[in-house]
PDB file of all heavy atoms in Angstrom:
ATOM      1  N   ILE A   1      -0.227  19.200  -2.751  1.00  0.00           N
ATOM      2  CA  ILE A   1      -0.189  17.809  -2.234  1.00  0.00           C
ATOM      3  C   ILE A   1       0.897  17.052  -3.092  1.00  0.00           C
ATOM      4  O   ILE A   1       1.280  17.258  -4.126  1.00  0.00           O
ATOM      5  CB  ILE A   1      -1.592  17.181  -2.272  1.00  0.00           C
ATOM      6  CG1 ILE A   1      -2.017  17.034  -3.817  1.00  0.00           C
ATOM      7  CG2 ILE A   1      -2.647  17.957  -1.487  1.00  0.00           C
ATOM      8  CD1 ILE A   1      -3.414  16.208  -3.865  1.00  0.00           C
ATOM      9  N   GLU A   2       1.466  16.011  -2.187  1.00  0.00           N
ATOM     10  CA  GLU A   2       2.421  15.214  -2.818  1.00  0.00           C
ATOM     11  C   GLU A   2       2.308  13.946  -2.154  1.00  0.00           C
ATOM     12  O   GLU A   2       1.749  13.817  -1.050  1.00  0.00           O
ATOM     13  CB  GLU A   2       3.750  15.781  -2.710  1.00  0.00           C
ATOM     14  CG  GLU A   2       4.262  16.082  -1.376  1.00  0.00           C
ATOM     15  CD  GLU A   2       5.588  16.751  -1.385  1.00  0.00           C
ATOM     16  OE1 GLU A   2       6.017  17.473  -2.390  1.00  0.00           O
ATOM     17  OE2 GLU A   2       6.333  16.564  -0.353  1.00  0.00           O
ATOM     18  N   PRO A   3       2.781  12.816  -2.693  1.00  0.00           N
ATOM     19  CA  PRO A   3       2.792  11.454  -2.147  1.00  0.00           C
ATOM     20  C   PRO A   3       3.391  11.509  -0.786  1.00  0.00           C
ATOM     21  O   PRO A   3       4.300  12.289  -0.697  1.00  0.00           O
ATOM     22  CB  PRO A   3       3.397  10.563  -3.070  1.00  0.00           C
ATOM     23  CG  PRO A   3       3.216  11.231  -4.487  1.00  0.00           C
ATOM     24  CD  PRO A   3       3.333  12.754  -4.101  1.00  0.00           C
ATOM     25  N   PRO A   4       2.971  10.677   0.268  1.00  0.00           N
ATOM     26  CA  PRO A   4       1.839   9.773   0.130  1.00  0.00           C
ATOM     27  C   PRO A   4       0.426  10.249   0.386  1.00  0.00           C
ATOM     28  O   PRO A   4      -0.565   9.520   0.538  1.00  0.00           O
ATOM     29  CB  PRO A   4       2.266   8.749   1.113  1.00  0.00           C
ATOM     30  CG  PRO A   4       2.789   9.574   2.328  1.00  0.00           C
ATOM     31  CD  PRO A   4       3.624  10.709   1.521  1.00  0.00           C
ATOM     32  N   TYR A   5       0.273  11.581   0.327  1.00  0.00           N
ATOM     33  CA  TYR A   5      -1.110  12.135   0.720  1.00  0.00           C
ATOM     34  C   TYR A   5      -2.056  11.850  -0.436  1.00  0.00           C
ATOM     35  O   TYR A   5      -1.756  12.060  -1.561  1.00  0.00           O
ATOM     36  CB  TYR A   5      -0.955  13.658   0.980  1.00  0.00           C
ATOM     37  CG  TYR A   5      -2.333  14.280   1.351  1.00  0.00           C
ATOM     38  CD1 TYR A   5      -2.956  14.218   2.524  1.00  0.00           C
ATOM     39  CD2 TYR A   5      -3.093  14.896   0.288  1.00  0.00           C
ATOM     40  CE1 TYR A   5      -4.114  14.768   2.764  1.00  0.00           C
ATOM     41  CE2 TYR A   5      -4.286  15.444   0.492  1.00  0.00           C
ATOM     42  CZ  TYR A   5      -4.904  15.356   1.847  1.00  0.00           C
ATOM     43  OH  TYR A   5      -6.128  15.876   2.086  1.00  0.00           O
ATOM     44  N   VAL A   6      -3.363  11.406  -0.031  1.00  0.00           N
ATOM     45  CA  VAL A   6      -4.416  11.404  -0.933  1.00  0.00           C
ATOM     46  C   VAL A   6      -5.635  11.988  -0.151  1.00  0.00           C
ATOM     47  O   VAL A   6      -5.714  12.068   1.013  1.00  0.00           O
ATOM     48  CB  VAL A   6      -4.790   9.949  -1.355  1.00  0.00           C
ATOM     49  CG1 VAL A   6      -3.731   9.366  -2.135  1.00  0.00           C
ATOM     50  CG2 VAL A   6      -5.135   9.020  -0.167  1.00  0.00           C
ATOM     51  N   HIS A   7      -6.681  12.510  -0.787  1.00  0.00           N
ATOM     52  CA  HIS A   7      -7.784  13.186  -0.263  1.00  0.00           C
ATOM     53  C   HIS A   7      -8.585  12.019   0.539  1.00  0.00           C
ATOM     54  O   HIS A   7      -8.902  10.924   0.027  1.00  0.00           O
ATOM     55  CB  HIS A   7      -8.791  13.709  -1.319  1.00  0.00           C
ATOM     56  CG  HIS A   7      -8.292  15.158  -1.819  1.00  0.00           C
ATOM     57  ND1 HIS A   7      -7.385  15.237  -2.857  1.00  0.00           N
ATOM     58  CD2 HIS A   7      -8.645  16.336  -1.420  1.00  0.00           C
ATOM     59  CE1 HIS A   7      -7.231  16.576  -2.956  1.00  0.00           C
ATOM     60  NE2 HIS A   7      -7.874  17.216  -2.239  1.00  0.00           N
ATOM     61  N   ARG A   8      -8.908  12.306   1.683  1.00  0.00           N
ATOM     62  CA  ARG A   8      -9.654  11.364   2.576  1.00  0.00           C
ATOM     63  C   ARG A   8     -10.955  11.270   2.044  1.00  0.00           C
ATOM     64  O   ARG A   8     -11.569  12.218   1.447  1.00  0.00           O
ATOM     65  CB  ARG A   8      -9.499  11.761   4.061  1.00  0.00           C
ATOM     66  CG  ARG A   8     -10.079  13.013   4.285  1.00  0.00           C
ATOM     67  CD  ARG A   8     -10.150  13.337   5.794  1.00  0.00           C
ATOM     68  NE  ARG A   8     -10.524  14.701   6.076  1.00  0.00           N
ATOM     69  CZ  ARG A   8     -11.890  14.951   6.413  1.00  0.00           C
ATOM     70  NH1 ARG A   8     -12.718  13.924   6.274  1.00  0.00           N
ATOM     71  NH2 ARG A   8     -12.221  16.238   6.727  1.00  0.00           N
ATOM     72  N   ARG A   9     -11.711  10.064   2.368  1.00  0.00           N
ATOM     73  CA  ARG A   9     -13.034   9.893   2.009  1.00  0.00           C
ATOM     74  C   ARG A   9     -13.974  10.917   2.872  1.00  0.00           C
ATOM     75  O   ARG A   9     -13.901  10.881   4.025  1.00  0.00           O
ATOM     76  CB  ARG A   9     -13.418   8.512   2.157  1.00  0.00           C
ATOM     77  CG  ARG A   9     -14.988   8.222   1.778  1.00  0.00           C
ATOM     78  CD  ARG A   9     -15.320   6.852   2.082  1.00  0.00           C
ATOM     79  NE  ARG A   9     -14.392   5.904   1.344  1.00  0.00           N
ATOM     80  CZ  ARG A   9     -14.507   4.529   1.390  1.00  0.00           C
ATOM     81  NH1 ARG A   9     -15.288   4.076   2.290  1.00  0.00           N
ATOM     82  NH2 ARG A   9     -13.721   3.862   0.823  1.00  0.00           N
ATOM     83  N   ARG A  10     -14.918  11.625   2.249  1.00  0.00           N
ATOM     84  CA  ARG A  10     -15.695  12.574   2.968  1.00  0.00           C
ATOM     85  C   ARG A  10     -17.034  13.038   2.184  1.00  0.00           C
ATOM     86  O   ARG A  10     -16.968  12.944   0.941  1.00  0.00           O
ATOM     87  CB  ARG A  10     -14.980  13.714   3.474  1.00  0.00           C
ATOM     88  CG  ARG A  10     -14.414  14.664   2.295  1.00  0.00           C
ATOM     89  CD  ARG A  10     -13.799  15.916   2.781  1.00  0.00           C
ATOM     90  NE  ARG A  10     -13.131  16.626   1.750  1.00  0.00           N
ATOM     91  CZ  ARG A  10     -12.792  17.825   1.796  1.00  0.00           C
ATOM     92  NH1 ARG A  10     -12.882  18.534   2.943  1.00  0.00           N
ATOM     93  NH2 ARG A  10     -12.100  18.469   0.777  1.00  0.00           N
ATOM     94  N   ILE A  11     -17.884  13.449   2.984  1.00  0.00           N
ATOM     95  CA  ILE A  11     -19.187  14.027   2.363  1.00  0.00           C
ATOM     96  C   ILE A  11     -19.056  15.464   2.932  1.00  0.00           C
ATOM     97  O   ILE A  11     -19.171  15.696   4.084  1.00  0.00           O
ATOM     98  CB  ILE A  11     -20.357  13.390   2.857  1.00  0.00           C
ATOM     99  CG1 ILE A  11     -20.408  11.901   2.279  1.00  0.00           C
ATOM    100  CG2 ILE A  11     -21.576  14.145   2.311  1.00  0.00           C
ATOM    101  CD1 ILE A  11     -21.666  11.166   2.799  1.00  0.00           C
ATOM    102  N   PRO A  12     -18.770  16.490   2.048  1.00  0.00           N
ATOM    103  CA  PRO A  12     -18.461  17.781   2.524  1.00  0.00           C
ATOM    104  C   PRO A  12     -19.541  18.665   3.100  1.00  0.00           C
ATOM    105  O   PRO A  12     -19.274  19.611   3.804  1.00  0.00           O
ATOM    106  CB  PRO A  12     -17.814  18.572   1.263  1.00  0.00           C
ATOM    107  CG  PRO A  12     -18.497  17.804   0.177  1.00  0.00           C
ATOM    108  CD  PRO A  12     -18.720  16.423   0.543  1.00  0.00           C
ATOM    109  N   HIS A  13     -20.774  18.442   2.758  1.00  0.00           N
ATOM    110  CA  HIS A  13     -21.908  19.158   3.222  1.00  0.00           C
ATOM    111  C   HIS A  13     -21.907  20.714   2.571  1.00  0.00           C
ATOM    112  O   HIS A  13     -22.483  21.542   3.376  1.00  0.00           O
ATOM    113  CB  HIS A  13     -22.166  19.021   4.712  1.00  0.00           C
ATOM    114  CG  HIS A  13     -22.371  17.570   5.014  1.00  0.00           C
ATOM    115  ND1 HIS A  13     -23.461  16.873   4.676  1.00  0.00           N
ATOM    116  CD2 HIS A  13     -21.631  16.742   5.822  1.00  0.00           C
ATOM    117  CE1 HIS A  13     -23.440  15.603   5.164  1.00  0.00           C
ATOM    118  NE2 HIS A  13     -22.261  15.543   5.834  1.00  0.00           N
ATOM    119  N   GLU A  14     -21.100  20.938   1.700  1.00  0.00           N
ATOM    120  CA  GLU A  14     -20.970  22.253   1.185  1.00  0.00           C
ATOM    121  C   GLU A  14     -20.436  22.031  -0.292  1.00  0.00           C
ATOM    122  O   GLU A  14     -19.829  20.949  -0.694  1.00  0.00           O
ATOM    123  CB  GLU A  14     -20.149  23.217   1.989  1.00  0.00           C
ATOM    124  CG  GLU A  14     -18.744  22.670   2.038  1.00  0.00           C
ATOM    125  CD  GLU A  14     -17.793  23.629   2.967  1.00  0.00           C
ATOM    126  OE1 GLU A  14     -18.334  24.654   3.326  1.00  0.00           O
ATOM    127  OE2 GLU A  14     -16.693  23.185   3.311  1.00  0.00           O
ATOM    128  N   TRP A  15     -20.617  23.084  -1.158  1.00  0.00           N
ATOM    129  CA  TRP A  15     -20.055  22.948  -2.519  1.00  0.00           C
ATOM    130  C   TRP A  15     -18.622  23.140  -2.427  1.00  0.00           C
ATOM    131  O   TRP A  15     -18.102  24.086  -1.549  1.00  0.00           O
ATOM    132  CB  TRP A  15     -20.738  24.024  -3.404  1.00  0.00           C
ATOM    133  CG  TRP A  15     -22.280  23.729  -3.520  1.00  0.00           C
ATOM    134  CD1 TRP A  15     -23.201  24.277  -2.867  1.00  0.00           C
ATOM    135  CD2 TRP A  15     -22.795  22.869  -4.596  1.00  0.00           C
ATOM    136  NE1 TRP A  15     -24.432  23.763  -3.214  1.00  0.00           N
ATOM    137  CE2 TRP A  15     -24.229  22.915  -4.272  1.00  0.00           C
ATOM    138  CE3 TRP A  15     -22.332  22.073  -5.561  1.00  0.00           C
ATOM    139  CZ2 TRP A  15     -25.081  22.183  -4.969  1.00  0.00           C
ATOM    140  CZ3 TRP A  15     -23.189  21.305  -6.307  1.00  0.00           C
ATOM    141  CH2 TRP A  15     -24.511  21.331  -6.057  1.00  0.00           C
ATOM    142  N   ILE A  16     -17.813  22.527  -3.289  1.00  0.00           N
ATOM    143  CA  ILE A  16     -16.252  22.705  -3.481  1.00  0.00           C
ATOM    144  C   ILE A  16     -15.974  22.862  -5.023  1.00  0.00           C
ATOM    145  O   ILE A  16     -16.543  22.137  -5.762  1.00  0.00           O
ATOM    146  CB  ILE A  16     -15.627  21.531  -2.778  1.00  0.00           C
ATOM    147  CG1 ILE A  16     -15.990  21.385  -1.345  1.00  0.00           C
ATOM    148  CG2 ILE A  16     -14.105  21.885  -2.970  1.00  0.00           C
ATOM    149  CD1 ILE A  16     -15.250  20.200  -0.690  1.00  0.00           C
ATOM    150  N   ILE A  17     -15.105  23.823  -5.242  1.00  0.00           N
ATOM    151  CA  ILE A  17     -14.583  23.905  -6.524  1.00  0.00           C
ATOM    152  C   ILE A  17     -13.069  23.695  -6.518  1.00  0.00           C
ATOM    153  O   ILE A  17     -12.433  24.378  -5.592  1.00  0.00           O
ATOM    154  CB  ILE A  17     -14.884  25.270  -7.142  1.00  0.00           C
ATOM    155  CG1 ILE A  17     -16.234  25.583  -7.394  1.00  0.00           C
ATOM    156  CG2 ILE A  17     -14.029  25.498  -8.454  1.00  0.00           C
ATOM    157  CD1 ILE A  17     -16.647  27.004  -7.787  1.00  0.00           C
ATOM    158  N   TYR A  18     -12.738  22.845  -7.332  1.00  0.00           N
ATOM    159  CA  TYR A  18     -11.106  22.558  -7.461  1.00  0.00           C
ATOM    160  C   TYR A  18     -10.804  23.252  -8.882  1.00  0.00           C
ATOM    161  O   TYR A  18     -11.449  22.826  -9.960  1.00  0.00           O
ATOM    162  CB  TYR A  18     -10.731  21.267  -7.442  1.00  0.00           C
ATOM    163  CG  TYR A  18     -10.740  20.648  -6.116  1.00  0.00           C
ATOM    164  CD1 TYR A  18     -11.060  19.306  -5.842  1.00  0.00           C
ATOM    165  CD2 TYR A  18     -10.603  21.364  -4.930  1.00  0.00           C
ATOM    166  CE1 TYR A  18     -10.998  18.620  -4.541  1.00  0.00           C
ATOM    167  CE2 TYR A  18     -10.631  20.769  -3.659  1.00  0.00           C
ATOM    168  CZ  TYR A  18     -10.811  19.419  -3.405  1.00  0.00           C
ATOM    169  OH  TYR A  18     -10.809  18.852  -2.201  1.00  0.00           O
ATOM    170  N   MET A  19      -9.600  23.864  -9.027  1.00  0.00           N
ATOM    171  CA  MET A  19      -9.044  24.238 -10.129  1.00  0.00           C
ATOM    172  C   MET A  19      -7.615  23.993 -10.223  1.00  0.00           C
ATOM    173  O   MET A  19      -6.848  24.468  -9.268  1.00  0.00           O
ATOM    174  CB  MET A  19      -9.277  25.645 -10.676  1.00  0.00           C
ATOM    175  CG  MET A  19      -8.914  26.031 -12.011  1.00  0.00           C
ATOM    176  SD  MET A  19      -9.224  27.790 -12.570  1.00  0.00           S
ATOM    177  CE  MET A  19      -7.842  28.499 -12.097  1.00  0.00           C
ATOM    178  N   ILE A  20      -7.117  23.084 -11.140  1.00  0.00           N
ATOM    179  CA  ILE A  20      -5.768  22.577 -11.069  1.00  0.00           C
ATOM    180  C   ILE A  20      -4.737  23.561 -11.573  1.00  0.00           C
ATOM    181  O   ILE A  20      -4.972  23.981 -12.800  1.00  0.00           O
ATOM    182  CB  ILE A  20      -5.718  21.235 -11.781  1.00  0.00           C
ATOM    183  CG1 ILE A  20      -6.843  20.278 -11.337  1.00  0.00           C
ATOM    184  CG2 ILE A  20      -4.387  20.557 -11.670  1.00  0.00           C
ATOM    185  CD1 ILE A  20      -6.792  19.945  -9.848  1.00  0.00           C
ATOM    186  N   LYS A  21      -3.728  23.749 -11.022  1.00  0.00           N
ATOM    187  CA  LYS A  21      -2.655  24.691 -11.389  1.00  0.00           C
ATOM    188  C   LYS A  21      -1.469  23.899 -12.120  1.00  0.00           C
ATOM    189  O   LYS A  21      -1.157  24.179 -13.236  1.00  0.00           O
ATOM    190  CB  LYS A  21      -2.113  25.463 -10.265  1.00  0.00           C
ATOM    191  CG  LYS A  21      -3.108  26.543  -9.637  1.00  0.00           C
ATOM    192  CD  LYS A  21      -2.425  27.154  -8.562  1.00  0.00           C
ATOM    193  CE  LYS A  21      -1.015  28.012  -8.806  1.00  0.00           C
ATOM    194  NZ  LYS A  21      -0.573  28.559  -7.626  1.00  0.00           N
ATOM    195  N   LYS A  22      -0.997  22.806 -11.347  1.00  0.00           N
ATOM    196  CA  LYS A  22       0.128  22.065 -11.844  1.00  0.00           C
ATOM    197  C   LYS A  22      -0.032  20.569 -11.466  1.00  0.00           C
ATOM    198  O   LYS A  22      -0.711  20.413 -10.368  1.00  0.00           O
ATOM    199  CB  LYS A  22       1.463  22.717 -11.233  1.00  0.00           C
ATOM    200  CG  LYS A  22       1.958  23.928 -11.840  1.00  0.00           C
ATOM    201  CD  LYS A  22       3.184  24.361 -11.126  1.00  0.00           C
ATOM    202  CE  LYS A  22       3.641  25.811 -11.692  1.00  0.00           C
ATOM    203  NZ  LYS A  22       4.967  26.129 -11.000  1.00  0.00           N
ATOM    204  N   GLY A  23       0.574  19.783 -12.043  1.00  0.00           N
ATOM    205  CA  GLY A  23       0.513  18.337 -11.782  1.00  0.00           C
ATOM    206  C   GLY A  23      -0.790  17.736 -12.127  1.00  0.00           C
ATOM    207  O   GLY A  23      -1.501  18.151 -13.122  1.00  0.00           O
ATOM    208  N   GLU A  24      -1.325  16.777 -11.401  1.00  0.00           N
ATOM    209  CA  GLU A  24      -2.404  15.978 -11.578  1.00  0.00           C
ATOM    210  C   GLU A  24      -3.229  15.540 -10.334  1.00  0.00           C
ATOM    211  O   GLU A  24      -2.611  15.602  -9.395  1.00  0.00           O
ATOM    212  CB  GLU A  24      -2.265  14.896 -12.576  1.00  0.00           C
ATOM    213  CG  GLU A  24      -1.241  13.839 -12.033  1.00  0.00           C
ATOM    214  CD  GLU A  24      -0.932  12.767 -13.041  1.00  0.00           C
ATOM    215  OE1 GLU A  24      -1.132  13.041 -14.346  1.00  0.00           O
ATOM    216  OE2 GLU A  24      -0.518  11.726 -12.726  1.00  0.00           O
ATOM    217  N   MET A  25      -4.498  15.272 -10.422  1.00  0.00           N
ATOM    218  CA  MET A  25      -5.152  14.829  -9.189  1.00  0.00           C
ATOM    219  C   MET A  25      -6.105  13.762  -9.675  1.00  0.00           C
ATOM    220  O   MET A  25      -6.820  13.807 -10.733  1.00  0.00           O
ATOM    221  CB  MET A  25      -6.085  16.020  -8.661  1.00  0.00           C
ATOM    222  CG  MET A  25      -6.905  15.587  -7.416  1.00  0.00           C
ATOM    223  SD  MET A  25      -7.986  16.931  -6.929  1.00  0.00           S
ATOM    224  CE  MET A  25      -6.896  18.243  -6.225  1.00  0.00           C
ATOM    225  N   GLU A  26      -6.090  12.597  -8.889  1.00  0.00           N
ATOM    226  CA  GLU A  26      -6.866  11.537  -9.137  1.00  0.00           C
ATOM    227  C   GLU A  26      -8.018  11.487  -8.039  1.00  0.00           C
ATOM    228  O   GLU A  26      -7.776  11.362  -6.813  1.00  0.00           O
ATOM    229  CB  GLU A  26      -6.130  10.146  -9.102  1.00  0.00           C
ATOM    230  CG  GLU A  26      -5.015  10.071 -10.075  1.00  0.00           C
ATOM    231  CD  GLU A  26      -5.535   9.650 -11.476  1.00  0.00           C
ATOM    232  OE1 GLU A  26      -6.687   9.444 -11.567  1.00  0.00           O
ATOM    233  OE2 GLU A  26      -4.670   9.735 -12.407  1.00  0.00           O
ATOM    234  N   LEU A  27      -9.300  11.562  -8.446  1.00  0.00           N
ATOM    235  CA  LEU A  27     -10.277  11.799  -7.473  1.00  0.00           C
ATOM    236  C   LEU A  27     -11.450  10.947  -7.977  1.00  0.00           C
ATOM    237  O   LEU A  27     -11.684  10.794  -9.181  1.00  0.00           O
ATOM    238  CB  LEU A  27     -10.695  13.286  -7.383  1.00  0.00           C
ATOM    239  CG  LEU A  27     -11.504  13.724  -6.196  1.00  0.00           C
ATOM    240  CD1 LEU A  27     -10.614  13.750  -4.899  1.00  0.00           C
ATOM    241  CD2 LEU A  27     -11.840  15.134  -6.338  1.00  0.00           C
ATOM    242  N   GLU A  28     -12.314  10.499  -6.934  1.00  0.00           N
ATOM    243  CA  GLU A  28     -13.602   9.871  -7.283  1.00  0.00           C
ATOM    244  C   GLU A  28     -14.725  10.475  -6.492  1.00  0.00           C
ATOM    245  O   GLU A  28     -14.543  10.811  -5.314  1.00  0.00           O
ATOM    246  CB  GLU A  28     -13.372   8.355  -7.008  1.00  0.00           C
ATOM    247  CG  GLU A  28     -14.620   7.521  -7.389  1.00  0.00           C
ATOM    248  CD  GLU A  28     -14.357   6.105  -7.094  1.00  0.00           C
ATOM    249  OE1 GLU A  28     -13.697   5.442  -7.855  1.00  0.00           O
ATOM    250  OE2 GLU A  28     -14.948   5.602  -6.145  1.00  0.00           O
TER     251      GLU A  28
END
């Protein structure tokens, strides 16, 4: 991902794993 994209607000109703390869992610 790259600007201007950001993760949209959501309730996933499933488990999610993120593992970062490069760069950085700001998430709440």
